[in-house]
Amino acid sequence: MSQGPRKGAFVIHAFKSAPPKDSDMPHKHWGKLRDAIMQIFNENAGELSFEELYRTGYNMVLHKFGDFLYSNVENLLTERSKELCEVVAKTPDEMLLQEVKKTWHDHKRSLTMVRDILMYMDRTYVKQNQKRPVFEMGLNVFCQNCTRSPRVKDRIKNLLLQLIQQERDGEKVDRNLIRCTTQMLLDMGKVVYAEDFERPFVESSQHYYMVEAQRLIQASSTPEYLRRAEQRLNEEADRVTACLSTEWGSGSGIRSTVEAELVGKQMEALLVKEGSGIVHLLEEDKLEDLRRMFELFSRVSGGPQLIEDALADRVSQQGREVVESAENQTDPVGYVKKLIGIKDQYDYIIRHAFRDDKAFTNRLHKSFEVFVNLNARSPEYISLAMDAHLRGQRKAAAGAAAASDEQQVEVQLEKALQMFRFLQ
């Protein structure tokens, strides 16, 4: 058995006949709606009949007074926004964002109820005349007459940037307050958000991290700077995600701006720092620091190429020392063993610090092709080394050596063969 409408439900019944015409109807109906909307704004909506108010708005639109109704609603919402602005503008800075948050929340809640009683106008007159829906129009007039008021706009921006800088400096701030305020600006439109917050935020971030990078680069070793930069980037990504309505990797430029200041503009200085630059890190096999350098440099254009160039220079220097050393010319096996040692070292570094990047491996091989061929006797020395390994392999087999020893000989033979491939 079907049930009737539940008690208290908002039900709109069709008219049995067209309401009688009344020349003063629009003014009477608007007066009724205006009083109700003011009651809503003053949080006294408990006694209002939303069904009756809906019908009042319905009648006005039905009798072609939609333009009259819409313009009066817009004027009323504008007056209300200006009244709210007076309260907000008089609020001291230390409480301004809290007041804006509360005012915005209350205003949106009231607009939701106003939208409900004027729903018929939204569905017909607004669509037919390409006007802003009531709720959207209410947000827009609040934006223009309150949050973008000359007495409020810059104060909101400056307080948000101040809170963000305080957190960057280690102070505890109300992240939810920042999030609610930036979301409010985004709700008012992407243009409002970009102009009133996002662009100033990116600009202030650029200056902040420019100063931070200059201070750190002077006071820190390369590994210390890399650790601090990594920490700063992680903190900023978390801050943007948790507090702002900007995406860390979006087109806003915040990520690329911070990375450019902390990493991009400091790469060359970090590579050549005396006693801690890349040559030191390579010599000491500082894999964790090299990995961190590679990960950070990979965030900016041309970063990995700088590491690749520095690695190739260092490999070439070590290789030339081997092939040009007079002492090594008397020991062909030792000569090749040292070359193999260099390759093993950098193969390991590339694999464990540089993500086994093929570009690094190819550059390593090209470096070997250059310096191995600087010594005209390299083919002879490599052949002698391979011959020695082959003899060692036969002795191991004849003497029933342990499998591990035989395998080691085979590995050394394969590595000597790799040196042979670099010959031109």
Protein backbone atom coordinates (compact mmCIF):
# COMPACT_ATOMS: atom_id res chain seq x y z
CA MET A 1 0.00 0.00 0.00
CA SER A 2 1.47 3.36 -1.00
CA GLN A 3 2.17 5.86 1.72
CA GLY A 4 1.33 9.58 1.61
CA PRO A 5 3.93 12.27 2.09
CA ARG A 6 5.72 11.98 5.43
CA LYS A 7 4.83 14.57 8.03
CA GLY A 8 6.84 17.79 7.67
CA ALA A 9 8.09 16.99 4.14
CA PHE A 10 8.50 19.88 1.68
CA VAL A 11 5.94 19.04 -1.06
CA ILE A 12 4.99 21.35 -3.92
CA HIS A 13 1.51 20.78 -5.36
CA ALA A 14 0.44 21.91 -8.82
CA PHE A 15 -1.85 24.92 -9.04
CA LYS A 16 -5.51 24.06 -9.71
CA SER A 17 -5.94 27.32 -11.65
CA ALA A 18 -3.82 30.29 -12.65
CA PRO A 19 -3.45 32.77 -9.75
CA PRO A 20 -5.39 36.01 -10.26
CA LYS A 21 -3.43 38.96 -11.65
CA ASP A 22 -2.61 41.84 -9.33
CA SER A 23 -0.85 44.99 -10.54
CA ASP A 24 0.92 45.38 -7.20
CA MET A 25 1.75 41.68 -7.01
CA PRO A 26 5.49 41.90 -7.77
CA HIS A 27 6.12 44.45 -5.04
CA LYS A 28 4.04 42.58 -2.47
CA HIS A 29 5.67 39.28 -3.33
CA TRP A 30 9.15 40.76 -3.34
CA GLY A 31 8.50 42.41 0.03
CA LYS A 32 7.54 39.01 1.41
CA LEU A 33 10.63 37.34 -0.08
CA ARG A 34 12.92 40.17 1.03
CA ASP A 35 11.74 39.89 4.63
CA ALA A 36 12.25 36.11 4.52
CA ILE A 37 15.75 36.42 3.08
CA MET A 38 16.68 38.90 5.80
CA GLN A 39 15.33 36.45 8.38
CA ILE A 40 17.54 33.78 6.85
CA PHE A 41 20.60 36.03 7.04
CA ASN A 42 19.77 36.87 10.65
CA GLU A 43 19.47 33.15 11.45
CA ASN A 44 15.74 33.40 12.25
CA ALA A 45 14.50 31.03 9.56
CA GLY A 46 12.88 28.53 11.92
CA GLU A 47 9.35 29.89 11.52
CA LEU A 48 9.49 30.40 7.75
CA SER A 49 7.39 28.31 5.37
CA PHE A 50 9.78 27.38 2.57
CA GLU A 51 6.96 25.89 0.52
CA GLU A 52 5.03 29.17 0.65
CA LEU A 53 8.14 31.18 -0.19
CA TYR A 54 8.90 28.87 -3.11
CA ARG A 55 5.36 29.44 -4.44
CA THR A 56 5.82 33.19 -4.10
CA GLY A 57 8.95 33.11 -6.21
CA TYR A 58 7.25 30.72 -8.62
CA ASN A 59 4.35 33.14 -9.14
CA MET A 60 6.67 36.06 -9.84
CA VAL A 61 8.57 34.19 -12.51
CA LEU A 62 5.36 32.70 -13.95
CA HIS A 63 3.93 36.21 -14.39
CA LYS A 64 7.06 37.43 -16.19
CA PHE A 65 8.58 39.27 -13.22
CA GLY A 66 11.75 37.20 -13.26
CA ASP A 67 13.95 40.17 -14.17
CA PHE A 68 12.43 42.24 -11.36
CA LEU A 69 12.95 39.41 -8.89
CA TYR A 70 16.50 38.63 -9.99
CA SER A 71 17.71 42.24 -9.87
CA ASN A 72 16.17 42.78 -6.44
CA VAL A 73 17.78 39.61 -5.10
CA GLU A 74 21.15 40.73 -6.48
CA ASN A 75 20.76 44.18 -4.90
CA LEU A 76 19.79 42.66 -1.58
CA LEU A 77 22.75 40.26 -1.60
CA THR A 78 25.03 43.16 -2.49
CA GLU A 79 23.73 45.18 0.46
CA ARG A 80 24.22 42.19 2.72
CA SER A 81 27.80 41.67 1.49
CA LYS A 82 28.63 45.30 2.17
CA GLU A 83 27.24 44.99 5.70
CA LEU A 84 29.38 41.91 6.28
CA CYS A 85 32.40 43.74 4.89
CA GLU A 86 31.98 46.47 7.52
CA VAL A 87 32.24 43.86 10.26
CA VAL A 88 35.18 42.06 8.65
CA ALA A 89 37.10 45.25 7.86
CA LYS A 90 36.91 46.39 11.49
CA THR A 91 38.35 43.09 12.76
CA PRO A 92 42.00 43.34 13.90
CA ASP A 93 44.60 41.37 11.97
CA GLU A 94 45.09 38.74 14.65
CA MET A 95 41.44 37.67 14.28
CA LEU A 96 40.74 38.61 10.67
CA LEU A 97 41.11 35.18 9.04
CA GLN A 98 38.95 33.56 11.73
CA GLU A 99 36.28 36.22 11.15
CA VAL A 100 36.46 35.76 7.38
CA LYS A 101 36.15 32.00 7.79
CA LYS A 102 33.06 32.30 10.01
CA THR A 103 31.45 34.99 7.85
CA TRP A 104 32.04 32.95 4.71
CA HIS A 105 30.64 29.77 6.25
CA ASP A 106 27.51 31.53 7.51
CA HIS A 107 26.99 33.37 4.23
CA LYS A 108 27.19 30.17 2.19
CA ARG A 109 24.73 28.43 4.51
CA SER A 110 22.28 31.32 4.11
CA LEU A 111 22.76 31.37 0.35
CA THR A 112 21.87 27.68 0.21
CA MET A 113 18.46 28.41 1.75
CA VAL A 114 17.90 31.44 -0.49
CA ARG A 115 18.75 29.28 -3.50
CA ASP A 116 16.19 26.68 -2.39
CA ILE A 117 13.27 29.12 -2.23
CA LEU A 118 14.26 30.62 -5.61
CA MET A 119 14.91 27.28 -7.28
CA TYR A 120 12.22 27.82 -9.92
CA MET A 121 13.83 31.09 -11.00
CA ASP A 122 17.20 29.28 -11.32
CA ARG A 123 15.66 26.55 -13.46
CA THR A 124 13.76 28.84 -15.83
CA TYR A 125 14.52 32.56 -15.88
CA VAL A 126 18.24 32.18 -15.10
CA LYS A 127 18.83 29.52 -17.75
CA GLN A 128 16.77 31.31 -20.40
CA ASN A 129 18.56 34.61 -19.83
CA GLN A 130 22.04 33.15 -19.20
CA LYS A 131 22.33 34.71 -15.75
CA ARG A 132 24.38 33.47 -12.82
CA PRO A 133 22.43 31.03 -10.63
CA VAL A 134 21.43 32.54 -7.28
CA PHE A 135 24.05 30.73 -5.21
CA GLU A 136 26.86 31.58 -7.64
CA MET A 137 25.67 35.17 -7.88
CA GLY A 138 25.67 35.40 -4.08
CA LEU A 139 29.27 34.18 -3.94
CA ASN A 140 30.28 36.68 -6.61
CA VAL A 141 28.78 39.74 -4.91
CA PHE A 142 30.30 38.68 -1.59
CA CYS A 143 33.65 38.33 -3.32
CA GLN A 144 33.50 41.73 -4.99
CA ASN A 145 32.05 43.64 -2.04
CA CYS A 146 33.77 41.93 0.88
CA THR A 147 36.81 39.73 0.35
CA ARG A 148 38.07 41.84 -2.58
CA SER A 149 37.24 45.09 -0.87
CA PRO A 150 40.28 47.42 -0.68
CA ARG A 151 40.05 47.22 3.12
CA VAL A 152 40.15 43.43 3.19
CA LYS A 153 41.79 41.95 0.09
CA ASP A 154 45.46 42.69 0.78
CA ARG A 155 45.10 41.93 4.47
CA ILE A 156 43.90 38.39 3.70
CA LYS A 157 46.77 37.85 1.28
CA ASN A 158 49.43 39.22 3.64
CA LEU A 159 48.16 37.24 6.63
CA LEU A 160 48.15 34.00 4.62
CA LEU A 161 51.71 34.60 3.39
CA GLN A 162 52.79 35.50 6.92
CA LEU A 163 51.39 32.25 8.34
CA ILE A 164 53.10 30.23 5.62
CA GLN A 165 56.44 31.89 6.31
CA GLN A 166 56.03 31.31 10.04
CA GLU A 167 55.54 27.60 9.43
CA ARG A 168 58.55 27.52 7.11
CA ASP A 169 60.54 29.06 9.94
CA GLY A 170 59.48 26.29 12.31
CA GLU A 171 56.50 27.86 14.08
CA LYS A 172 53.26 25.96 14.60
CA VAL A 173 50.33 27.53 12.77
CA ASP A 174 46.65 26.76 12.17
CA ARG A 175 46.84 24.82 8.91
CA ASN A 176 43.08 24.37 8.77
CA LEU A 177 42.59 28.13 8.85
CA ILE A 178 44.95 28.54 5.90
CA ARG A 179 43.20 25.74 4.02
CA CYS A 180 39.71 27.16 4.62
CA THR A 181 40.76 30.64 3.50
CA THR A 182 42.47 29.50 0.30
CA GLN A 183 39.53 27.21 -0.48
CA MET A 184 37.20 30.20 -0.05
CA LEU A 185 39.21 32.13 -2.64
CA LEU A 186 39.11 29.16 -5.00
CA ASP A 187 35.33 28.85 -4.54
CA MET A 188 35.07 32.44 -5.74
CA GLY A 189 36.76 31.45 -9.01
CA LYS A 190 40.11 30.37 -10.37
CA VAL A 191 40.92 33.91 -11.47
CA VAL A 192 40.28 35.27 -7.97
CA TYR A 193 42.38 32.53 -6.42
CA ALA A 194 45.25 33.06 -8.86
CA GLU A 195 45.33 36.84 -8.57
CA ASP A 196 44.62 37.21 -4.86
CA PHE A 197 46.77 34.38 -3.53
CA GLU A 198 48.48 31.92 -5.85
CA ARG A 199 50.68 34.33 -7.80
CA PRO A 200 51.77 36.32 -4.71
CA PHE A 201 52.42 32.99 -2.97
CA VAL A 202 54.70 31.77 -5.76
CA GLU A 203 56.54 35.12 -5.87
CA SER A 204 57.09 35.21 -2.11
CA SER A 205 58.22 31.57 -2.18
CA GLN A 206 60.81 32.37 -4.83
CA HIS A 207 62.28 35.15 -2.69
CA TYR A 208 62.18 33.06 0.50
CA TYR A 209 64.01 30.10 -1.01
CA MET A 210 66.48 32.30 -2.89
CA VAL A 211 67.62 33.73 0.46
CA GLU A 212 67.51 30.28 2.07
CA ALA A 213 69.65 28.73 -0.69
CA GLN A 214 72.24 31.50 -0.52
CA ARG A 215 72.54 31.07 3.22
CA LEU A 216 72.82 27.29 3.05
CA ILE A 217 75.29 27.14 0.16
CA GLN A 218 77.72 29.32 2.10
CA ALA A 219 77.39 27.46 5.40
CA SER A 220 77.07 23.83 4.32
CA SER A 221 79.02 21.07 2.65
CA THR A 222 77.50 19.52 -0.46
CA PRO A 223 76.03 16.52 1.41
CA GLU A 224 74.63 18.79 4.14
CA TYR A 225 73.07 21.11 1.57
CA LEU A 226 71.53 18.20 -0.34
CA ARG A 227 69.97 16.77 2.83
CA ARG A 228 68.54 20.17 3.77
CA ALA A 229 67.23 20.84 0.26
CA GLU A 230 65.54 17.44 0.17
CA GLN A 231 63.95 18.11 3.55
CA ARG A 232 62.77 21.56 2.46
CA LEU A 233 61.21 20.23 -0.74
CA ASN A 234 59.38 17.48 1.14
CA GLU A 235 58.12 19.99 3.71
CA GLU A 236 56.90 22.37 1.02
CA ALA A 237 55.11 19.59 -0.87
CA ASP A 238 53.38 18.52 2.34
CA ARG A 239 52.47 22.12 3.16
CA VAL A 240 50.97 22.78 -0.26
CA THR A 241 48.98 19.54 -0.17
CA ALA A 242 47.72 20.01 3.39
CA CYS A 243 47.14 23.77 3.55
CA LEU A 244 46.53 25.18 0.11
CA SER A 245 44.18 24.75 -2.80
CA THR A 246 47.17 24.61 -5.13
CA GLU A 247 48.46 21.26 -6.39
CA TRP A 248 52.19 20.71 -5.83
CA GLY A 249 52.79 19.58 -9.40
CA SER A 250 50.26 21.86 -11.09
CA GLY A 251 50.82 24.63 -13.57
CA SER A 252 50.91 27.19 -10.79
CA GLY A 253 54.69 26.98 -10.80
CA ILE A 254 55.20 26.55 -7.06
CA ARG A 255 57.07 23.27 -7.41
CA SER A 256 59.30 24.39 -10.28
CA THR A 257 59.96 27.70 -8.49
CA VAL A 258 61.13 26.08 -5.26
CA GLU A 259 63.15 23.45 -7.11
CA ALA A 260 64.81 26.13 -9.25
CA GLU A 261 65.90 28.15 -6.22
CA LEU A 262 66.99 25.26 -3.99
CA VAL A 263 68.48 23.03 -6.69
CA GLY A 264 68.69 24.48 -10.18
CA LYS A 265 70.59 27.65 -9.33
CA GLN A 266 72.97 25.86 -6.96
CA MET A 267 73.94 22.77 -8.97
CA GLU A 268 77.27 23.96 -10.31
CA ALA A 269 78.37 25.31 -6.93
CA LEU A 270 77.44 22.01 -5.27
CA LEU A 271 79.39 19.98 -7.83
CA VAL A 272 82.65 21.90 -7.40
CA LYS A 273 82.59 22.54 -3.63
CA GLU A 274 86.10 21.89 -2.37
CA GLY A 275 86.36 18.89 -0.10
CA SER A 276 82.73 17.83 -0.51
CA GLY A 277 81.79 18.20 -4.19
CA ILE A 278 81.19 15.40 -6.62
CA VAL A 279 84.87 14.45 -6.99
CA HIS A 280 85.05 13.84 -3.24
CA LEU A 281 81.77 11.90 -3.27
CA LEU A 282 82.97 9.70 -6.13
CA GLU A 283 86.39 9.07 -4.57
CA GLU A 284 84.82 8.09 -1.25
CA ASP A 285 81.97 6.07 -2.79
CA LYS A 286 79.37 8.16 -0.95
CA LEU A 287 76.47 6.34 -2.57
CA GLU A 288 73.70 7.83 -0.44
CA ASP A 289 74.89 11.39 -1.08
CA LEU A 290 75.33 10.66 -4.80
CA ARG A 291 71.86 9.13 -4.98
CA ARG A 292 70.38 12.20 -3.25
CA MET A 293 72.26 14.49 -5.64
CA PHE A 294 70.98 12.58 -8.65
CA GLU A 295 67.37 12.58 -7.39
CA LEU A 296 67.43 16.31 -6.67
CA PHE A 297 69.23 17.28 -9.87
CA SER A 298 66.74 15.17 -11.85
CA ARG A 299 64.01 17.59 -10.77
CA VAL A 300 65.40 20.38 -12.97
CA SER A 301 66.24 20.52 -16.65
CA GLY A 302 69.85 19.66 -17.39
CA GLY A 303 70.58 18.42 -13.88
CA PRO A 304 71.52 14.81 -14.67
CA GLN A 305 73.66 15.99 -17.57
CA LEU A 306 75.84 18.02 -15.19
CA ILE A 307 76.44 14.93 -13.03
CA GLU A 308 77.12 12.86 -16.14
CA ASP A 309 79.69 15.39 -17.36
CA ALA A 310 81.39 15.53 -13.97
CA LEU A 311 81.50 11.73 -13.74
CA ALA A 312 82.97 11.46 -17.26
CA ASP A 313 85.65 14.03 -16.40
CA ARG A 314 86.61 12.16 -13.27
CA VAL A 315 86.69 8.76 -15.03
CA SER A 316 88.79 10.21 -17.85
CA GLN A 317 91.25 11.71 -15.38
CA GLN A 318 91.68 8.41 -13.54
CA GLY A 319 91.93 6.47 -16.79
CA ARG A 320 94.61 8.76 -18.23
CA GLU A 321 96.63 8.43 -15.04
CA VAL A 322 96.68 4.66 -15.58
CA VAL A 323 97.45 4.57 -19.31
CA GLU A 324 100.04 7.36 -19.15
CA SER A 325 101.87 6.12 -16.04
CA ALA A 326 105.39 4.87 -16.81
CA GLU A 327 105.21 2.51 -13.85
CA ASN A 328 102.18 0.70 -15.30
CA GLN A 329 103.97 0.00 -18.60
CA THR A 330 106.11 -2.66 -16.91
CA ASP A 331 103.13 -4.60 -15.54
CA PRO A 332 100.58 -5.40 -18.30
CA VAL A 333 98.35 -7.44 -15.98
CA GLY A 334 98.40 -4.70 -13.33
CA TYR A 335 97.69 -2.13 -16.05
CA VAL A 336 94.53 -3.92 -17.12
CA LYS A 337 93.56 -4.72 -13.54
CA LYS A 338 93.57 -1.01 -12.67
CA LEU A 339 91.40 -0.21 -15.68
CA ILE A 340 88.99 -2.95 -14.66
CA GLY A 341 88.96 -1.55 -11.14
CA ILE A 342 87.92 1.88 -12.42
CA LYS A 343 85.12 0.41 -14.49
CA ASP A 344 83.89 -1.77 -11.63
CA GLN A 345 83.83 1.24 -9.33
CA TYR A 346 81.71 3.38 -11.66
CA ASP A 347 79.48 0.54 -12.79
CA TYR A 348 78.59 0.08 -9.13
CA ILE A 349 78.01 3.79 -8.58
CA ILE A 350 75.82 4.10 -11.68
CA ARG A 351 73.80 1.05 -10.67
CA HIS A 352 73.23 2.03 -7.03
CA ALA A 353 73.28 5.86 -7.07
CA PHE A 354 72.16 6.86 -10.55
CA ARG A 355 69.25 4.44 -11.13
CA ASP A 356 71.37 2.41 -13.56
CA ASP A 357 70.81 5.23 -16.05
CA LYS A 358 71.78 4.07 -19.56
CA ALA A 359 73.01 7.53 -20.52
CA PHE A 360 75.57 7.33 -17.70
CA THR A 361 76.66 3.85 -18.75
CA ASN A 362 77.07 4.93 -22.38
CA ARG A 363 79.07 7.97 -21.30
CA LEU A 364 81.30 5.76 -19.14
CA HIS A 365 82.00 3.48 -22.11
CA LYS A 366 82.81 6.45 -24.36
CA SER A 367 85.27 7.75 -21.79
CA PHE A 368 87.01 4.35 -21.72
CA GLU A 369 87.14 4.28 -25.52
CA VAL A 370 89.04 7.58 -25.45
CA PHE A 371 91.67 7.00 -22.79
CA VAL A 372 92.26 3.28 -23.42
CA ASN A 373 93.26 4.18 -26.98
CA LEU A 374 95.63 6.92 -25.84
CA ASN A 375 98.23 4.21 -25.17
CA ALA A 376 99.27 2.43 -28.35
CA ARG A 377 100.28 -0.62 -26.31
CA SER A 378 96.85 -1.08 -24.72
CA PRO A 379 95.94 -3.89 -27.17
CA GLU A 380 99.13 -5.70 -26.25
CA TYR A 381 98.61 -5.29 -22.52
CA ILE A 382 94.99 -6.42 -22.71
CA SER A 383 96.01 -9.47 -24.75
CA LEU A 384 98.70 -10.37 -22.21
CA ALA A 385 96.19 -9.97 -19.38
CA MET A 386 93.66 -12.19 -21.14
CA ASP A 387 96.37 -14.77 -21.80
CA ALA A 388 97.32 -14.71 -18.12
CA HIS A 389 93.69 -15.26 -17.12
CA LEU A 390 93.35 -18.11 -19.60
CA ARG A 391 96.44 -19.79 -18.14
CA GLY A 392 94.98 -19.28 -14.70
CA GLN A 393 91.77 -20.86 -15.85
CA ARG A 394 93.57 -23.94 -17.22
CA LYS A 395 95.59 -24.31 -14.01
CA ALA A 396 92.43 -24.03 -11.95
CA ALA A 397 90.79 -26.73 -14.03
CA ALA A 398 93.87 -29.00 -13.94
CA GLY A 399 94.30 -28.58 -10.22
CA ALA A 400 90.66 -29.22 -9.47
CA ALA A 401 90.39 -25.81 -7.82
CA ALA A 402 87.31 -24.80 -5.97
CA ALA A 403 84.37 -23.80 -8.14
CA SER A 404 84.46 -20.28 -6.66
CA ASP A 405 88.11 -19.83 -7.73
CA GLU A 406 87.37 -21.02 -11.24
CA GLN A 407 84.38 -18.74 -11.45
CA GLN A 408 86.48 -15.79 -10.30
CA VAL A 409 89.00 -16.43 -13.07
CA GLU A 410 86.19 -16.51 -15.61
CA VAL A 411 84.84 -13.19 -14.31
CA GLN A 412 88.26 -11.55 -14.62
CA LEU A 413 88.63 -12.93 -18.14
CA GLU A 414 85.25 -11.48 -19.13
CA LYS A 415 86.20 -8.09 -17.70
CA ALA A 416 89.50 -8.12 -19.62
CA LEU A 417 87.47 -8.93 -22.72
CA GLN A 418 85.35 -5.82 -22.04
CA MET A 419 88.52 -3.74 -22.11
CA PHE A 420 89.31 -5.30 -25.46
CA ARG A 421 85.98 -4.09 -26.83
CA PHE A 422 86.98 -0.47 -26.11
CA LEU A 423 89.90 -0.71 -28.53
CA GLN A 424 89.56 1.06 -31.86
